[in-house]
Amino acid sequence: MGDEDKVNELPAGGEHAQEWLPAYALNILAQQETTQVAEHLASCPACRVELHAYQAAADELPLALVQTAPHPELKDRLMRDIHSRQMKAAGTAQPLFFRNQPRIISPNCTRSVRCWRFR
């Protein structure tokens, strides 16, 4: 078993899981480690308080990034890809946009009353 497969154990004897809390807050522990920390947190108010501070810091990490504008062609490329996938999934050459347009279902409809239904 390589070092990357190694699962560490929490200290025995009621010690705290403080060294595990940052990784737990970032959700990067192995499944067994996550389970061990969660079990410890269920009975340790001090570690829960510390975990809350780490989670608050982790929640702020995305806000620390510099925002940049995406490449101008990115939206067009994404929209073409989405449209293509919708067409394949629907098995039709008619765009989904046009298939979902409302149509009048009663000749007695007036402009003040909406008498539309979707196909």
Protein backbone atom coordinates (compact mmCIF):
# COMPACT_ATOMS: atom_id res chain seq x y z
CA MET A 1 0.00 0.00 0.00
CA GLY A 2 1.50 3.37 -1.06
CA ASP A 3 1.64 6.51 1.06
CA GLU A 4 -1.27 8.04 -0.85
CA ASP A 5 -3.48 5.07 0.15
CA LYS A 6 -2.54 5.28 3.80
CA VAL A 7 -5.36 6.20 6.17
CA ASN A 8 -4.34 7.84 9.41
CA GLU A 9 -6.02 7.17 12.72
CA LEU A 10 -7.26 9.79 15.15
CA PRO A 11 -5.37 9.85 18.44
CA ALA A 12 -6.87 7.52 21.03
CA GLY A 13 -7.69 8.39 24.59
CA GLY A 14 -10.14 11.23 24.04
CA GLU A 15 -7.65 13.58 22.38
CA HIS A 16 -8.96 16.25 20.06
CA ALA A 17 -9.01 16.08 16.26
CA GLN A 18 -7.55 19.56 15.79
CA GLU A 19 -4.98 18.60 13.17
CA TRP A 20 -7.76 17.05 11.05
CA LEU A 21 -10.22 19.93 11.18
CA PRO A 22 -8.81 22.09 8.34
CA ALA A 23 -8.89 19.14 5.93
CA TYR A 24 -12.35 18.14 7.20
CA ALA A 25 -13.63 21.69 6.56
CA LEU A 26 -12.30 21.49 2.99
CA ASN A 27 -13.79 18.00 2.53
CA ILE A 28 -10.46 16.49 1.46
CA LEU A 29 -10.08 13.65 3.94
CA ALA A 30 -10.36 10.00 2.97
CA GLN A 31 -13.75 8.44 3.73
CA GLN A 32 -12.50 6.57 6.82
CA GLU A 33 -10.84 9.73 8.18
CA THR A 34 -14.00 11.74 7.53
CA THR A 35 -16.02 9.18 9.46
CA GLN A 36 -13.58 9.26 12.38
CA VAL A 37 -13.64 13.06 12.58
CA ALA A 38 -17.44 13.15 12.32
CA GLU A 39 -17.72 10.65 15.18
CA HIS A 40 -15.33 12.73 17.27
CA LEU A 41 -17.22 15.96 16.50
CA ALA A 42 -20.45 14.40 17.72
CA SER A 43 -19.02 14.26 21.25
CA CYS A 44 -16.58 17.20 21.33
CA PRO A 45 -17.98 20.74 21.56
CA ALA A 46 -14.49 22.29 21.55
CA CYS A 47 -13.64 20.73 18.18
CA ARG A 48 -17.04 21.74 16.78
CA VAL A 49 -16.32 25.38 17.69
CA GLU A 50 -12.90 25.19 16.04
CA LEU A 51 -14.38 23.48 12.98
CA HIS A 52 -16.90 26.30 12.63
CA ALA A 53 -14.02 28.80 12.40
CA TYR A 54 -12.28 26.70 9.74
CA GLN A 55 -15.52 26.37 7.76
CA ALA A 56 -16.04 30.13 7.87
CA ALA A 57 -12.52 30.63 6.51
CA ALA A 58 -13.07 27.99 3.81
CA ASP A 59 -16.30 29.71 2.76
CA GLU A 60 -14.34 32.93 2.18
CA LEU A 61 -11.68 31.34 -0.04
CA PRO A 62 -13.57 31.77 -3.36
CA LEU A 63 -14.05 35.47 -2.57
CA ALA A 64 -10.28 35.93 -2.31
CA LEU A 65 -9.80 35.13 -5.99
CA VAL A 66 -9.40 37.91 -8.50
CA GLN A 67 -12.41 37.98 -10.79
CA THR A 68 -11.62 37.94 -14.47
CA ALA A 69 -13.87 38.20 -17.48
CA PRO A 70 -14.16 35.01 -19.51
CA HIS A 71 -13.01 34.92 -23.11
CA PRO A 72 -15.65 36.62 -25.33
CA GLU A 73 -16.23 33.48 -27.40
CA LEU A 74 -16.81 31.28 -24.36
CA LYS A 75 -20.54 32.00 -24.02
CA ASP A 76 -21.16 31.35 -27.72
CA ARG A 77 -19.25 28.07 -27.57
CA LEU A 78 -21.09 26.94 -24.45
CA MET A 79 -24.51 27.86 -25.86
CA ARG A 80 -23.77 25.94 -29.09
CA ASP A 81 -22.71 22.92 -27.06
CA ILE A 82 -25.84 23.07 -24.89
CA HIS A 83 -28.06 23.44 -27.95
CA SER A 84 -26.36 20.51 -29.64
CA ARG A 85 -26.82 18.30 -26.56
CA GLN A 86 -30.49 19.26 -26.27
CA MET A 87 -31.09 18.42 -29.90
CA LYS A 88 -29.43 15.01 -29.50
CA ALA A 89 -31.37 14.27 -26.32
CA ALA A 90 -34.68 15.28 -27.88
CA GLY A 91 -33.95 13.38 -31.10
CA THR A 92 -35.27 16.22 -33.21
CA ALA A 93 -33.95 18.84 -35.56
CA GLN A 94 -36.39 21.43 -34.19
CA PRO A 95 -34.86 23.53 -31.39
CA LEU A 96 -36.47 23.07 -27.99
CA PHE A 97 -37.15 26.78 -27.85
CA PHE A 98 -39.64 26.59 -30.71
CA ARG A 99 -41.29 23.40 -29.51
CA ASN A 100 -42.22 25.03 -26.20
CA GLN A 101 -43.82 28.14 -27.65
CA PRO A 102 -47.40 28.70 -26.45
CA ARG A 103 -50.24 28.45 -28.90
CA ILE A 104 -53.78 29.78 -28.70
CA ILE A 105 -56.24 26.99 -27.90
CA SER A 106 -59.53 28.85 -28.16
CA PRO A 107 -60.82 31.23 -30.86
CA ASN A 108 -62.72 33.13 -28.14
CA CYS A 109 -59.56 34.30 -26.41
CA THR A 110 -59.11 38.01 -25.99
CA ARG A 111 -55.93 39.90 -25.41
CA SER A 112 -56.80 40.41 -21.74
CA VAL A 113 -57.15 36.67 -21.15
CA ARG A 114 -54.29 34.28 -21.81
CA CYS A 115 -55.59 31.12 -23.48
CA TRP A 116 -52.30 29.46 -24.19
CA ARG A 117 -51.01 26.03 -23.57
CA PHE A 118 -47.69 24.43 -24.23
CA ARG A 119 -47.43 21.54 -26.64
